[in-house]
């Protein structure tokens, strides 16, 4: 297997820790050997976390995403941001299912016409049985 150079910036405190590990080692080693081992081990943990994450139901992952995208000053996540970050065609369906399960609360657009056409297209709409105008649901609150 051919090695490749990976040029990344590393904070000084990580380099200091790396040097400490090299210095404490009872076998002859180098920064690059230890760094490769740490990267390999770290990737194993990341891969394991990704498997756990993908095993969660889509609605739970959606609720987590909404939580991550909450704007602190509002306590709400902007639905178009959630849809873009989800990045899959089923985003609106999954968000509506998460709301139906009580994982998130969806709130309608204020009616001030502040959304762009692209943002409006990303928002799910209210059920026509409840709102014949099908108001866009542009905000989500994690529950």
Foldseek 3Di string as FASTA:
>chain_A
DDDDDDDDDDDPVVVVVLVVCCVPDPDHDDSVVVVVVVVVVVVVVVVVVVVVLVPDPLLVNLLVLQVVQQDVVVLKHFQLVSQVVVPDPCSQVSPVVNVVVVQKPFAFDPPPPPDDPSSQVRFAFDDCVVPVVRTGRTIMHGD
